[in-house]
């Protein structure tokens, strides 16, 4: 199965300028609390899914942690222990250090031992990854046999929805009552529970 999910480096289209992404992410970190509503809503939805799980996860990894928003929400479920705060820029990893051990890394080359994590989370980060199948293979490697992978990312239709919303006058968006403001935010949600080694990969489902 791993062969089906991986590719040689030369076969992977490189769509994103990683250096530019790091610069933009570092710049955004300074005032992130002022525009983190999208991350907060996505984190709440991930926490809701985690709360349905009938077990605890002592050692977890948050890939693309931003300022630790996701960990603050999932910790409220009482199901996670240590959550490693991993990001591609030091500024965000530093901001999240109060939520868990901070790590700066390359998302496509995760520096963790095989079968070391009980759960891996990622909230609104993976849509910036060129080799998403390769990253899924890495997640499977570092998760324990009964580990949990819980992520969300923006999909094609959702990006179009975002564009339409932000192209409208600001007063139109802000006039919507708070509960309805997020109804257009629908994410591709991936929930994978790997059982014994060799179990087939479960492809994502779409959920609101």
N, C-alpha and C. Protein backbone atom coordinates (compact mmCIF):
# COMPACT_ATOMS: atom_id res chain seq x y z
N UNK A 1 0.82 -1.20 0.00
CA UNK A 1 0.00 0.00 0.00
C UNK A 1 0.85 1.25 0.00
N UNK A 2 1.98 1.21 0.73
CA UNK A 2 2.85 2.38 0.76
C UNK A 2 3.33 2.75 -0.62
N UNK A 3 3.55 1.74 -1.49
CA UNK A 3 4.01 2.04 -2.85
C UNK A 3 2.98 2.85 -3.60
N UNK A 4 1.69 2.63 -3.30
CA UNK A 4 0.65 3.35 -4.00
C UNK A 4 0.53 4.79 -3.51
N UNK A 5 1.02 5.07 -2.30
CA UNK A 5 0.86 6.39 -1.72
C UNK A 5 2.11 7.24 -1.84
N UNK A 6 3.19 6.70 -2.38
CA UNK A 6 4.43 7.45 -2.45
C UNK A 6 4.87 7.61 -3.89
N UNK A 7 5.81 8.51 -4.10
CA UNK A 7 6.35 8.76 -5.43
C UNK A 7 7.79 9.21 -5.28
N UNK A 8 8.57 9.06 -6.34
CA UNK A 8 9.94 9.53 -6.29
C UNK A 8 9.92 11.06 -6.36
N UNK A 9 10.93 11.72 -5.76
CA UNK A 9 10.93 13.18 -5.72
C UNK A 9 10.77 13.83 -7.10
N UNK A 10 11.35 13.22 -8.13
CA UNK A 10 11.26 13.81 -9.45
C UNK A 10 9.87 13.76 -10.05
N UNK A 11 9.01 12.89 -9.54
CA UNK A 11 7.65 12.76 -10.06
C UNK A 11 6.67 13.73 -9.41
N UNK A 12 7.07 14.43 -8.37
CA UNK A 12 6.16 15.28 -7.61
C UNK A 12 6.15 16.70 -8.17
N UNK A 13 5.01 17.17 -8.67
CA UNK A 13 4.94 18.57 -9.12
C UNK A 13 5.14 19.52 -7.95
N UNK A 14 6.02 20.47 -8.11
CA UNK A 14 6.29 21.44 -7.05
C UNK A 14 5.49 22.71 -7.34
N UNK A 15 4.34 22.83 -6.69
CA UNK A 15 3.43 23.93 -6.95
C UNK A 15 3.68 25.13 -6.04
N UNK A 16 4.24 24.88 -4.87
CA UNK A 16 4.36 25.94 -3.88
C UNK A 16 5.81 26.37 -3.69
N UNK A 17 5.98 27.67 -3.53
CA UNK A 17 7.29 28.24 -3.20
C UNK A 17 7.42 28.20 -1.68
N UNK A 18 8.13 27.20 -1.17
CA UNK A 18 8.21 26.99 0.26
C UNK A 18 8.89 28.16 0.97
N UNK A 19 9.90 28.75 0.33
CA UNK A 19 10.57 29.89 0.95
C UNK A 19 9.60 31.06 1.12
N UNK A 20 8.77 31.29 0.10
CA UNK A 20 7.77 32.36 0.19
C UNK A 20 6.73 32.03 1.24
N UNK A 21 6.32 30.76 1.31
CA UNK A 21 5.35 30.35 2.31
C UNK A 21 5.89 30.59 3.72
N UNK A 22 7.15 30.26 3.94
CA UNK A 22 7.75 30.50 5.26
C UNK A 22 7.78 31.99 5.59
N UNK A 23 8.12 32.83 4.60
CA UNK A 23 8.16 34.27 4.84
C UNK A 23 6.78 34.80 5.20
N UNK A 24 5.77 34.40 4.43
CA UNK A 24 4.41 34.88 4.68
C UNK A 24 3.90 34.39 6.03
N UNK A 25 4.22 33.16 6.36
CA UNK A 25 3.76 32.59 7.63
C UNK A 25 4.43 33.31 8.81
N UNK A 26 5.71 33.59 8.67
CA UNK A 26 6.42 34.31 9.73
C UNK A 26 5.86 35.72 9.89
N UNK A 27 5.52 36.37 8.79
CA UNK A 27 4.94 37.72 8.86
C UNK A 27 3.57 37.69 9.52
N UNK A 28 2.79 36.65 9.20
CA UNK A 28 1.44 36.55 9.76
C UNK A 28 1.45 36.28 11.25
N UNK A 29 2.51 35.65 11.75
CA UNK A 29 2.55 35.25 13.15
C UNK A 29 2.43 36.43 14.10
N UNK A 30 2.96 37.58 13.70
CA UNK A 30 3.00 38.73 14.60
C UNK A 30 1.61 39.17 15.04
N UNK A 31 0.66 39.17 14.13
CA UNK A 31 -0.69 39.63 14.47
C UNK A 31 -1.75 38.56 14.28
N UNK A 32 -1.36 37.31 14.43
CA UNK A 32 -2.25 36.20 14.08
C UNK A 32 -3.54 36.19 14.90
N UNK A 33 -3.48 36.59 16.13
CA UNK A 33 -4.66 36.55 17.00
C UNK A 33 -5.78 37.44 16.46
N UNK A 34 -5.44 38.39 15.60
CA UNK A 34 -6.45 39.30 15.07
C UNK A 34 -7.25 38.75 13.90
N UNK A 35 -6.80 37.63 13.32
CA UNK A 35 -7.53 37.08 12.17
C UNK A 35 -7.50 35.55 12.17
N UNK A 36 -7.61 34.97 13.34
CA UNK A 36 -7.53 33.52 13.46
C UNK A 36 -8.89 32.85 13.51
N UNK A 37 -9.95 33.55 13.08
CA UNK A 37 -11.30 32.99 13.21
C UNK A 37 -11.49 31.71 12.41
N UNK A 38 -10.86 31.62 11.25
CA UNK A 38 -11.00 30.44 10.41
C UNK A 38 -10.32 29.24 11.07
N UNK A 39 -9.12 29.46 11.57
CA UNK A 39 -8.40 28.39 12.28
C UNK A 39 -9.19 27.94 13.51
N UNK A 40 -9.75 28.90 14.24
CA UNK A 40 -10.49 28.56 15.45
C UNK A 40 -11.71 27.70 15.13
N UNK A 41 -12.44 28.05 14.08
CA UNK A 41 -13.62 27.26 13.71
C UNK A 41 -13.22 25.86 13.27
N UNK A 42 -12.16 25.76 12.49
CA UNK A 42 -11.70 24.44 12.03
C UNK A 42 -11.22 23.60 13.22
N UNK A 43 -10.55 24.23 14.19
CA UNK A 43 -10.06 23.52 15.36
C UNK A 43 -11.22 22.98 16.20
N UNK A 44 -12.26 23.76 16.32
CA UNK A 44 -13.44 23.31 17.08
C UNK A 44 -14.02 22.05 16.44
N UNK A 45 -14.07 22.01 15.13
CA UNK A 45 -14.64 20.85 14.43
C UNK A 45 -13.76 19.62 14.61
N UNK A 46 -12.46 19.80 14.61
CA UNK A 46 -11.58 18.66 14.87
C UNK A 46 -11.76 18.17 16.31
N UNK A 47 -11.87 19.09 17.24
CA UNK A 47 -12.06 18.71 18.64
C UNK A 47 -13.36 17.95 18.82
N UNK A 48 -14.39 18.33 18.09
CA UNK A 48 -15.68 17.62 18.16
C UNK A 48 -15.50 16.16 17.74
N UNK A 49 -14.73 15.92 16.68
CA UNK A 49 -14.49 14.54 16.21
C UNK A 49 -13.67 13.76 17.22
N UNK A 50 -12.66 14.42 17.78
CA UNK A 50 -11.82 13.74 18.77
C UNK A 50 -12.64 13.34 19.98
N UNK A 51 -13.57 14.15 20.36
CA UNK A 51 -14.39 13.88 21.55
C UNK A 51 -15.22 12.62 21.39
N UNK A 52 -15.42 12.16 20.15
CA UNK A 52 -16.18 10.94 19.91
C UNK A 52 -15.35 9.67 20.12
N UNK A 53 -14.04 9.82 20.21
CA UNK A 53 -13.16 8.66 20.34
C UNK A 53 -13.27 8.06 21.74
N UNK A 54 -13.20 6.74 21.81
CA UNK A 54 -13.38 6.02 23.08
C UNK A 54 -12.04 5.60 23.68
N UNK A 55 -11.03 6.43 23.55
CA UNK A 55 -9.71 6.15 24.14
C UNK A 55 -8.95 7.45 24.28
N UNK A 56 -7.83 7.41 24.97
CA UNK A 56 -6.97 8.57 25.16
C UNK A 56 -5.73 8.44 24.29
N UNK A 57 -5.04 9.57 24.10
CA UNK A 57 -3.87 9.63 23.22
C UNK A 57 -2.75 10.36 23.98
N UNK A 58 -1.86 9.60 24.62
CA UNK A 58 -0.85 10.21 25.50
C UNK A 58 0.17 11.10 24.80
N UNK A 59 0.63 10.69 23.60
CA UNK A 59 1.63 11.48 22.88
C UNK A 59 1.12 11.80 21.48
N UNK A 60 0.98 13.09 21.20
CA UNK A 60 0.37 13.52 19.94
C UNK A 60 1.28 14.52 19.23
N UNK A 61 1.00 14.72 17.96
CA UNK A 61 1.74 15.67 17.13
C UNK A 61 0.75 16.57 16.40
N UNK A 62 0.95 17.88 16.51
CA UNK A 62 0.14 18.85 15.77
C UNK A 62 1.02 19.43 14.67
N UNK A 63 0.72 19.09 13.42
CA UNK A 63 1.51 19.54 12.28
C UNK A 63 0.91 20.82 11.72
N UNK A 64 1.67 21.91 11.79
CA UNK A 64 1.15 23.21 11.39
C UNK A 64 0.39 23.84 12.54
N UNK A 65 1.05 23.97 13.68
CA UNK A 65 0.37 24.32 14.93
C UNK A 65 -0.10 25.76 15.00
N UNK A 66 0.45 26.65 14.16
CA UNK A 66 0.19 28.08 14.31
C UNK A 66 0.52 28.48 15.76
N UNK A 67 -0.43 29.09 16.45
CA UNK A 67 -0.16 29.57 17.81
C UNK A 67 -0.64 28.61 18.89
N UNK A 68 -0.95 27.37 18.51
CA UNK A 68 -1.41 26.38 19.48
C UNK A 68 -2.92 26.32 19.64
N UNK A 69 -3.65 26.97 18.73
CA UNK A 69 -5.11 27.02 18.82
C UNK A 69 -5.73 25.62 18.87
N UNK A 70 -5.29 24.73 17.99
CA UNK A 70 -5.88 23.40 17.95
C UNK A 70 -5.69 22.66 19.28
N UNK A 71 -4.49 22.73 19.82
CA UNK A 71 -4.22 22.02 21.07
C UNK A 71 -5.09 22.55 22.20
N UNK A 72 -5.31 23.85 22.25
CA UNK A 72 -6.16 24.41 23.30
C UNK A 72 -7.58 23.82 23.23
N UNK A 73 -8.06 23.60 22.02
CA UNK A 73 -9.41 23.06 21.87
C UNK A 73 -9.45 21.55 22.14
N UNK A 74 -8.50 20.81 21.62
CA UNK A 74 -8.56 19.36 21.82
C UNK A 74 -8.24 18.97 23.26
N UNK A 75 -7.51 19.82 23.96
CA UNK A 75 -7.20 19.53 25.36
C UNK A 75 -8.47 19.55 26.21
N UNK A 76 -9.45 20.31 25.77
CA UNK A 76 -10.71 20.39 26.51
C UNK A 76 -11.46 19.06 26.49
N UNK A 77 -11.14 18.18 25.55
CA UNK A 77 -11.81 16.88 25.50
C UNK A 77 -11.30 15.94 26.59
N UNK A 78 -10.12 16.24 27.14
CA UNK A 78 -9.53 15.38 28.16
C UNK A 78 -8.94 14.09 27.60
N UNK A 79 -8.74 14.02 26.28
CA UNK A 79 -8.29 12.78 25.65
C UNK A 79 -6.84 12.82 25.17
N UNK A 80 -6.16 13.96 25.33
CA UNK A 80 -4.78 14.06 24.86
C UNK A 80 -3.84 14.37 26.02
N UNK A 81 -2.61 13.87 25.89
CA UNK A 81 -1.57 14.18 26.86
C UNK A 81 -0.65 15.24 26.30
N UNK A 82 0.60 14.87 26.07
CA UNK A 82 1.56 15.79 25.47
C UNK A 82 1.27 15.96 23.98
N UNK A 83 1.22 17.20 23.53
CA UNK A 83 1.00 17.49 22.11
C UNK A 83 2.19 18.29 21.59
N UNK A 84 3.01 17.69 20.75
CA UNK A 84 4.16 18.37 20.15
C UNK A 84 3.66 19.43 19.19
N UNK A 85 4.17 20.65 19.35
CA UNK A 85 3.76 21.78 18.51
C UNK A 85 4.75 21.96 17.37
N UNK A 86 4.37 21.52 16.17
CA UNK A 86 5.28 21.53 15.02
C UNK A 86 4.82 22.54 13.98
N UNK A 87 5.74 23.35 13.53
CA UNK A 87 5.42 24.33 12.48
C UNK A 87 6.65 24.53 11.61
N UNK A 88 6.43 25.15 10.45
CA UNK A 88 7.54 25.35 9.53
C UNK A 88 8.29 26.64 9.80
N UNK A 89 7.78 27.47 10.73
CA UNK A 89 8.48 28.72 11.08
C UNK A 89 8.66 28.81 12.59
N UNK A 90 9.79 29.34 13.05
CA UNK A 90 10.04 29.45 14.49
C UNK A 90 9.03 30.34 15.20
N UNK A 91 8.52 31.37 14.53
CA UNK A 91 7.63 32.32 15.20
C UNK A 91 6.38 31.63 15.73
N UNK A 92 5.77 30.77 14.92
CA UNK A 92 4.57 30.07 15.39
C UNK A 92 4.91 29.00 16.41
N UNK A 93 5.98 28.26 16.19
CA UNK A 93 6.37 27.23 17.16
C UNK A 93 6.62 27.85 18.53
N UNK A 94 7.22 29.03 18.54
CA UNK A 94 7.48 29.73 19.80
C UNK A 94 6.19 30.17 20.47
N UNK A 95 5.25 30.69 19.68
CA UNK A 95 3.97 31.11 20.24
C UNK A 95 3.22 29.94 20.89
N UNK A 96 3.39 28.75 20.33
CA UNK A 96 2.65 27.57 20.80
C UNK A 96 3.37 26.82 21.92
N UNK A 97 4.51 27.31 22.37
CA UNK A 97 5.34 26.53 23.31
C UNK A 97 4.63 26.26 24.63
N UNK A 98 3.67 27.09 25.01
CA UNK A 98 2.95 26.84 26.26
C UNK A 98 1.98 25.67 26.15
N UNK A 99 1.69 25.24 24.92
CA UNK A 99 0.76 24.13 24.70
C UNK A 99 1.47 22.78 24.58
N UNK A 100 2.78 22.80 24.39
CA UNK A 100 3.54 21.57 24.26
C UNK A 100 4.93 21.84 23.71
N UNK A 101 5.79 20.83 23.64
CA UNK A 101 7.16 21.03 23.14
C UNK A 101 7.15 21.56 21.71
N UNK A 102 7.84 22.69 21.44
CA UNK A 102 7.86 23.26 20.10
C UNK A 102 8.93 22.64 19.21
N UNK A 103 8.58 22.43 17.93
CA UNK A 103 9.52 21.87 16.96
C UNK A 103 9.34 22.62 15.63
N UNK A 104 10.45 23.04 15.04
CA UNK A 104 10.43 23.63 13.70
C UNK A 104 10.91 22.57 12.73
N UNK A 105 10.12 22.33 11.67
CA UNK A 105 10.45 21.21 10.79
C UNK A 105 10.00 21.45 9.35
N UNK A 106 10.46 20.57 8.49
CA UNK A 106 9.99 20.48 7.11
C UNK A 106 8.84 19.47 7.11
N UNK A 107 7.66 19.91 6.72
CA UNK A 107 6.47 19.06 6.79
C UNK A 107 6.64 17.78 5.99
N UNK A 108 7.41 17.82 4.92
CA UNK A 108 7.56 16.65 4.07
C UNK A 108 8.70 15.74 4.52
N UNK A 109 9.35 16.08 5.63
CA UNK A 109 10.42 15.22 6.18
C UNK A 109 10.31 15.23 7.70
N UNK A 110 9.33 14.53 8.22
CA UNK A 110 9.05 14.55 9.65
C UNK A 110 10.14 13.82 10.43
N UNK A 111 10.78 14.47 11.40
CA UNK A 111 11.93 13.88 12.10
C UNK A 111 11.54 13.09 13.35
N UNK A 112 10.62 12.16 13.21
CA UNK A 112 10.16 11.40 14.36
C UNK A 112 10.31 9.91 14.10
N UNK A 113 10.50 9.17 15.19
CA UNK A 113 10.71 7.74 15.07
C UNK A 113 9.43 7.02 14.67
N UNK A 114 9.59 5.88 14.03
CA UNK A 114 8.44 5.07 13.64
C UNK A 114 7.67 4.62 14.88
N UNK A 115 6.35 4.60 14.73
CA UNK A 115 5.44 4.12 15.79
C UNK A 115 5.66 4.86 17.11
N UNK A 116 5.90 6.17 17.02
CA UNK A 116 6.18 6.95 18.22
C UNK A 116 4.98 7.76 18.72
N UNK A 117 3.97 7.97 17.88
CA UNK A 117 2.87 8.85 18.24
C UNK A 117 1.55 8.08 18.35
N UNK A 118 0.76 8.47 19.31
CA UNK A 118 -0.58 7.88 19.46
C UNK A 118 -1.58 8.55 18.53
N UNK A 119 -1.35 9.83 18.22
CA UNK A 119 -2.26 10.56 17.33
C UNK A 119 -1.49 11.66 16.62
N UNK A 120 -1.90 11.95 15.40
CA UNK A 120 -1.38 13.07 14.62
C UNK A 120 -2.55 13.94 14.21
N UNK A 121 -2.41 15.24 14.44
CA UNK A 121 -3.44 16.20 14.07
C UNK A 121 -2.84 17.23 13.12
N UNK A 122 -3.69 17.79 12.27
CA UNK A 122 -3.28 18.93 11.46
C UNK A 122 -4.51 19.73 11.11
N UNK A 123 -4.45 21.01 11.35
CA UNK A 123 -5.60 21.89 11.14
C UNK A 123 -5.23 23.01 10.17
N UNK A 124 -5.78 22.94 8.96
CA UNK A 124 -5.59 23.96 7.93
C UNK A 124 -4.11 24.21 7.60
N UNK A 125 -3.42 23.13 7.31
CA UNK A 125 -2.01 23.22 6.90
C UNK A 125 -1.72 22.39 5.66
N UNK A 126 -2.34 21.23 5.53
CA UNK A 126 -1.93 20.27 4.50
C UNK A 126 -2.24 20.71 3.08
N UNK A 127 -3.09 21.71 2.89
CA UNK A 127 -3.33 22.19 1.52
C UNK A 127 -2.12 22.94 0.96
N UNK A 128 -1.08 23.17 1.80
CA UNK A 128 0.16 23.78 1.32
C UNK A 128 1.22 22.73 0.98
N UNK A 129 0.90 21.46 1.06
CA UNK A 129 1.88 20.40 0.86
C UNK A 129 1.83 19.89 -0.58
N UNK A 130 2.98 19.83 -1.24
CA UNK A 130 3.04 19.31 -2.61
C UNK A 130 2.81 17.81 -2.65
N UNK A 131 3.51 17.08 -1.80
CA UNK A 131 3.44 15.62 -1.83
C UNK A 131 2.54 15.12 -0.70
N UNK A 132 1.24 15.30 -0.87
CA UNK A 132 0.31 14.90 0.18
C UNK A 132 0.27 13.38 0.36
N UNK A 133 0.25 12.57 -0.71
CA UNK A 133 0.32 11.12 -0.50
C UNK A 133 1.59 10.69 0.25
N UNK A 134 2.72 11.33 -0.07
CA UNK A 134 3.95 11.01 0.63
C UNK A 134 3.88 11.36 2.11
N UNK A 135 3.21 12.48 2.42
CA UNK A 135 3.07 12.86 3.82
C UNK A 135 2.17 11.88 4.55
N UNK A 136 1.12 11.38 3.87
CA UNK A 136 0.27 10.38 4.51
C UNK A 136 1.06 9.11 4.83
N UNK A 137 1.98 8.76 3.96
CA UNK A 137 2.84 7.61 4.22
C UNK A 137 3.70 7.85 5.46
N UNK A 138 4.22 9.07 5.60
CA UNK A 138 5.00 9.40 6.79
C UNK A 138 4.15 9.33 8.05
N UNK A 139 2.92 9.84 7.97
CA UNK A 139 2.03 9.77 9.13
C UNK A 139 1.81 8.32 9.55
N UNK A 140 1.61 7.47 8.56
CA UNK A 140 1.37 6.06 8.88
C UNK A 140 2.61 5.44 9.53
N UNK A 141 3.78 5.86 9.10
CA UNK A 141 5.01 5.32 9.66
C UNK A 141 5.17 5.71 11.13
N UNK A 142 4.91 6.97 11.47
CA UNK A 142 5.20 7.41 12.83
C UNK A 142 4.07 7.12 13.81
N UNK A 143 2.87 6.76 13.29
CA UNK A 143 1.78 6.41 14.19
C UNK A 143 1.93 4.99 14.72
N UNK A 144 1.50 4.78 15.94
CA UNK A 144 1.44 3.44 16.50
C UNK A 144 0.37 2.64 15.75
N UNK A 145 0.42 1.30 15.82
CA UNK A 145 -0.53 0.49 15.05
C UNK A 145 -2.00 0.85 15.27
N UNK A 146 -2.37 1.31 16.45
CA UNK A 146 -3.75 1.70 16.70
C UNK A 146 -3.89 3.23 16.78
N UNK A 147 -3.00 3.95 16.07
CA UNK A 147 -2.97 5.40 16.14
C UNK A 147 -4.09 6.07 15.37
N UNK A 148 -4.28 7.36 15.65
CA UNK A 148 -5.33 8.16 15.03
C UNK A 148 -4.73 9.29 14.21
N UNK A 149 -5.21 9.46 13.00
CA UNK A 149 -4.87 10.62 12.17
C UNK A 149 -6.14 11.43 11.98
N UNK A 150 -6.11 12.68 12.41
CA UNK A 150 -7.28 13.54 12.33
C UNK A 150 -6.85 14.90 11.79
N UNK A 151 -7.24 15.21 10.56
CA UNK A 151 -6.81 16.45 9.92
C UNK A 151 -7.98 17.08 9.17
N UNK A 152 -7.85 18.37 8.89
CA UNK A 152 -8.73 19.00 7.92
C UNK A 152 -7.92 19.97 7.08
N UNK A 153 -8.44 20.26 5.90
CA UNK A 153 -7.77 21.16 4.97
C UNK A 153 -8.80 21.75 4.04
N UNK A 154 -8.46 22.86 3.44
CA UNK A 154 -9.37 23.49 2.50
C UNK A 154 -9.38 22.71 1.19
N UNK A 155 -10.57 22.43 0.67
CA UNK A 155 -10.71 21.75 -0.61
C UNK A 155 -10.97 22.75 -1.72
N UNK A 156 -11.02 22.26 -2.95
CA UNK A 156 -11.17 23.12 -4.12
C UNK A 156 -12.45 23.94 -4.03
N UNK A 157 -13.57 23.30 -3.76
CA UNK A 157 -14.84 24.02 -3.71
C UNK A 157 -14.87 25.01 -2.56
N UNK A 158 -14.21 24.66 -1.47
CA UNK A 158 -14.21 25.57 -0.33
C UNK A 158 -13.39 26.82 -0.61
N UNK A 159 -12.30 26.68 -1.38
CA UNK A 159 -11.51 27.85 -1.74
C UNK A 159 -12.33 28.80 -2.61
N UNK A 160 -13.13 28.25 -3.53
CA UNK A 160 -13.99 29.08 -4.36
C UNK A 160 -15.01 29.81 -3.50
N UNK A 161 -15.54 29.11 -2.50
CA UNK A 161 -16.50 29.72 -1.59
C UNK A 161 -15.87 30.86 -0.82
N UNK A 162 -14.64 30.65 -0.36
CA UNK A 162 -13.92 31.70 0.34
C UNK A 162 -13.75 32.93 -0.55
N UNK A 163 -13.35 32.69 -1.80
CA UNK A 163 -13.11 33.79 -2.72
C UNK A 163 -14.38 34.60 -2.94
N UNK A 164 -15.50 33.91 -3.08
CA UNK A 164 -16.77 34.62 -3.28
C UNK A 164 -17.13 35.45 -2.07
N UNK A 165 -16.92 34.88 -0.89
CA UNK A 165 -17.26 35.60 0.33
C UNK A 165 -16.42 36.86 0.48
N UNK A 166 -15.12 36.73 0.28
CA UNK A 166 -14.25 37.87 0.51
C UNK A 166 -14.29 38.89 -0.62
N UNK A 167 -14.91 38.54 -1.74
CA UNK A 167 -15.06 39.49 -2.83
C UNK A 167 -16.26 40.41 -2.59
N UNK A 168 -17.13 40.07 -1.62
CA UNK A 168 -18.29 40.89 -1.32
C UNK A 168 -17.88 42.02 -0.38
N UNK A 169 -18.71 43.08 -0.32
CA UNK A 169 -18.38 44.18 0.60
C UNK A 169 -18.24 43.69 2.03
N UNK A 170 -17.30 44.24 2.75
CA UNK A 170 -17.02 43.79 4.11
C UNK A 170 -18.25 43.87 5.00
N UNK A 171 -19.07 44.91 4.82
CA UNK A 171 -20.22 45.08 5.69
C UNK A 171 -21.22 43.94 5.52
N UNK A 172 -21.26 43.33 4.32
CA UNK A 172 -22.19 42.22 4.09
C UNK A 172 -21.80 41.02 4.94
N UNK A 173 -20.52 40.74 5.00
CA UNK A 173 -20.04 39.59 5.77
C UNK A 173 -20.19 39.83 7.26
N UNK A 174 -19.81 40.99 7.71
CA UNK A 174 -19.80 41.26 9.14
C UNK A 174 -21.21 41.44 9.70
N UNK A 175 -22.20 41.70 8.85
CA UNK A 175 -23.56 41.91 9.32
C UNK A 175 -24.27 40.60 9.65
N UNK A 176 -23.71 39.48 9.21
CA UNK A 176 -24.32 38.18 9.48
C UNK A 176 -24.17 37.85 10.94
N UNK A 177 -25.23 37.36 11.61
CA UNK A 177 -25.10 36.97 13.03
C UNK A 177 -24.01 35.94 13.23
N UNK A 178 -23.35 35.98 14.36
CA UNK A 178 -22.18 35.14 14.60
C UNK A 178 -22.40 33.66 14.31
N UNK A 179 -23.50 33.01 14.76
CA UNK A 179 -23.65 31.57 14.49
C UNK A 179 -23.70 31.23 13.02
N UNK A 180 -24.25 32.13 12.20
CA UNK A 180 -24.39 31.85 10.77
C UNK A 180 -23.14 32.23 9.99
N UNK A 181 -22.27 32.97 10.63
CA UNK A 181 -21.11 33.50 9.91
C UNK A 181 -20.22 32.40 9.36
N UNK A 182 -20.24 31.23 10.02
CA UNK A 182 -19.33 30.16 9.65
C UNK A 182 -20.01 29.05 8.87
N UNK A 183 -21.27 29.21 8.48
CA UNK A 183 -21.97 28.12 7.83
C UNK A 183 -21.36 27.74 6.48
N UNK A 184 -20.69 28.69 5.85
CA UNK A 184 -20.08 28.40 4.55
C UNK A 184 -18.73 27.73 4.70
N UNK A 185 -18.23 27.59 5.93
CA UNK A 185 -16.92 26.99 6.15
C UNK A 185 -17.07 25.48 6.26
N UNK A 186 -16.95 24.79 5.16
CA UNK A 186 -17.03 23.33 5.15
C UNK A 186 -15.66 22.80 4.72
N UNK A 187 -15.13 21.89 5.50
CA UNK A 187 -13.78 21.41 5.27
C UNK A 187 -13.77 19.96 4.83
N UNK A 188 -12.74 19.62 4.11
CA UNK A 188 -12.48 18.21 3.88
C UNK A 188 -11.88 17.66 5.17
N UNK A 189 -12.57 16.73 5.77
CA UNK A 189 -12.13 16.17 7.05
C UNK A 189 -11.65 14.74 6.85
N UNK A 190 -10.47 14.46 7.29
CA UNK A 190 -9.89 13.14 7.14
C UNK A 190 -9.72 12.52 8.52
N UNK A 191 -10.40 11.41 8.73
CA UNK A 191 -10.27 10.67 9.98
C UNK A 191 -9.80 9.27 9.64
N UNK A 192 -8.63 8.91 10.09
CA UNK A 192 -8.07 7.59 9.79
C UNK A 192 -7.68 6.92 11.10
N UNK A 193 -8.17 5.73 11.30
CA UNK A 193 -7.74 4.91 12.44
C UNK A 193 -7.05 3.69 11.88
N UNK A 194 -5.76 3.60 12.09
CA UNK A 194 -5.02 2.44 11.61
C UNK A 194 -5.02 1.37 12.68
N UNK A 195 -5.45 0.20 12.30
CA UNK A 195 -5.45 -0.91 13.24
C UNK A 195 -4.13 -1.64 13.17
N UNK A 196 -4.19 -2.94 13.10
CA UNK A 196 -2.97 -3.73 13.03
C UNK A 196 -2.21 -3.41 11.75
N UNK A 197 -0.88 -3.53 11.76
CA UNK A 197 -0.09 -3.28 10.56
C UNK A 197 -0.63 -4.09 9.38
N UNK A 198 -0.74 -3.41 8.24
CA UNK A 198 -1.23 -4.09 7.05
C UNK A 198 -2.68 -3.82 6.73
N UNK A 199 -3.37 -3.16 7.68
CA UNK A 199 -4.75 -2.81 7.40
C UNK A 199 -4.79 -1.81 6.25
N UNK A 200 -5.84 -1.86 5.42
CA UNK A 200 -5.88 -0.95 4.27
C UNK A 200 -6.06 0.50 4.69
N UNK A 201 -5.57 1.37 3.86
CA UNK A 201 -5.71 2.81 4.07
C UNK A 201 -7.17 3.19 3.84
N UNK A 202 -7.72 4.02 4.74
CA UNK A 202 -9.10 4.46 4.58
C UNK A 202 -9.10 5.87 4.00
N UNK A 203 -9.73 6.04 2.87
CA UNK A 203 -9.71 7.33 2.21
C UNK A 203 -10.65 8.29 2.89
N UNK A 204 -10.43 9.60 2.70
CA UNK A 204 -11.17 10.61 3.47
C UNK A 204 -12.65 10.69 3.12
N UNK A 205 -13.43 11.19 4.08
CA UNK A 205 -14.81 11.52 3.87
C UNK A 205 -14.99 13.01 4.04
N UNK A 206 -15.99 13.56 3.39
CA UNK A 206 -16.25 14.98 3.49
C UNK A 206 -17.30 15.20 4.55
N UNK A 207 -17.06 16.19 5.37
CA UNK A 207 -18.01 16.47 6.44
C UNK A 207 -18.01 17.96 6.75
N UNK A 208 -19.09 18.44 7.31
CA UNK A 208 -19.18 19.84 7.63
C UNK A 208 -18.74 20.13 9.04
